Amino acid sequence: MSAITDVVVRSLHGGVQTIIFFENGYGASIVQHSGSYGHQDGLFEIAVLIGNKDEFDLCYTTEITNDVLGYLNNEDVAETIERIREL
């Protein structure tokens, strides 16, 4: 299992974004803000990232998703982060 290398938390669009990077070169962007899918219900959106805290892009080519995942509750977020960690 890939270890966490960096975590970044910042304000974004009136909400919050947490970015987690793993040793495997992948990461997760977890957001809840005015433009994220599910924010109005207190839910989260996740995008898979590739790179590190200094340089990264969205990754649309994993078996997890070819887009962002929206309308996620806390359990869904935890499960998705584990899947990204295991890539």
Protein backbone atom coordinates (compact mmCIF):
# COMPACT_ATOMS: atom_id res chain seq x y z
CA MET A 1 0.00 0.00 0.00
CA SER A 2 1.30 3.41 -0.96
CA ALA A 3 2.06 5.87 1.85
CA ILE A 4 0.85 9.46 1.95
CA THR A 5 3.59 11.89 0.90
CA ASP A 6 1.79 15.24 1.17
CA VAL A 7 -1.52 16.78 2.23
CA VAL A 8 -2.63 20.26 1.22
CA VAL A 9 -5.78 21.93 2.59
CA ARG A 10 -6.97 25.22 1.17
CA SER A 11 -10.02 27.41 0.67
CA LEU A 12 -11.59 27.13 -2.76
CA HIS A 13 -14.72 28.79 -4.21
CA GLY A 14 -16.19 29.49 -0.80
CA GLY A 15 -15.52 25.97 0.43
CA VAL A 16 -12.60 23.67 1.03
CA GLN A 17 -10.24 21.47 -1.00
CA THR A 18 -8.06 18.76 0.48
CA ILE A 19 -5.39 17.28 -1.77
CA ILE A 20 -3.63 14.07 -0.79
CA PHE A 21 -0.63 12.63 -2.65
CA PHE A 22 0.68 9.08 -2.40
CA GLU A 23 4.06 7.44 -3.09
CA ASN A 24 2.56 5.72 -6.13
CA GLY A 25 2.40 9.07 -7.99
CA TYR A 26 -1.37 9.42 -7.69
CA GLY A 27 -3.42 11.70 -5.53
CA ALA A 28 -6.93 12.76 -4.67
CA SER A 29 -8.56 16.17 -4.74
CA ILE A 30 -11.52 16.18 -2.36
CA VAL A 31 -13.72 19.26 -2.63
CA GLN A 32 -16.88 20.67 -1.17
CA HIS A 33 -17.65 24.13 -2.55
CA SER A 34 -20.27 26.08 -4.44
CA GLY A 35 -19.50 24.35 -7.75
CA SER A 36 -18.91 20.77 -6.61
CA TYR A 37 -21.34 17.93 -7.21
CA GLY A 38 -23.32 17.38 -4.01
CA HIS A 39 -22.20 20.44 -2.07
CA GLN A 40 -25.79 21.55 -1.49
CA ASP A 41 -26.36 18.31 0.45
CA GLY A 42 -23.07 18.43 2.37
CA LEU A 43 -21.51 15.83 0.06
CA PHE A 44 -18.10 15.74 -1.61
CA GLU A 45 -16.53 15.48 -5.05
CA ILE A 46 -13.24 13.66 -5.77
CA ALA A 47 -10.88 13.87 -8.71
CA VAL A 48 -7.97 11.49 -9.24
CA LEU A 49 -4.66 13.31 -9.66
CA ILE A 50 -1.32 12.27 -11.08
CA GLY A 51 1.91 13.93 -9.97
CA ASN A 52 3.02 15.50 -6.71
CA LYS A 53 2.34 18.67 -4.70
CA ASP A 54 4.64 20.69 -6.95
CA GLU A 55 3.22 19.56 -10.29
CA PHE A 56 0.05 17.59 -10.91
CA ASP A 57 -2.83 17.13 -13.33
CA LEU A 58 -6.24 15.54 -13.24
CA CYS A 59 -6.06 11.90 -14.30
CA TYR A 60 -8.95 10.51 -16.34
CA THR A 61 -7.41 7.13 -17.22
CA THR A 62 -7.73 4.98 -14.09
CA GLU A 63 -10.20 2.19 -13.42
CA ILE A 64 -11.63 4.38 -10.65
CA THR A 65 -13.16 6.98 -12.99
CA ASN A 66 -12.74 8.76 -16.30
CA ASP A 67 -14.19 11.93 -14.77
CA VAL A 68 -14.75 13.30 -11.27
CA LEU A 69 -16.88 11.42 -8.73
CA GLY A 70 -19.58 13.51 -7.10
CA TYR A 71 -22.27 13.19 -4.45
CA LEU A 72 -19.97 11.22 -2.12
CA ASN A 73 -20.57 10.80 1.61
CA ASN A 74 -17.73 10.33 4.12
CA GLU A 75 -17.66 6.54 3.63
CA ASP A 76 -17.55 6.91 -0.17
CA VAL A 77 -14.66 9.38 0.18
CA ALA A 78 -12.68 7.00 2.41
CA GLU A 79 -13.25 4.06 0.04
CA THR A 80 -12.23 6.10 -3.02
CA ILE A 81 -9.07 7.38 -1.32
CA GLU A 82 -8.10 3.78 -0.52
CA ARG A 83 -8.64 2.77 -4.15
CA ILE A 84 -6.40 5.62 -5.33
CA ARG A 85 -3.81 4.66 -2.72
CA GLU A 86 -3.77 1.09 -4.10
CA LEU A 87 -3.24 2.07 -7.76
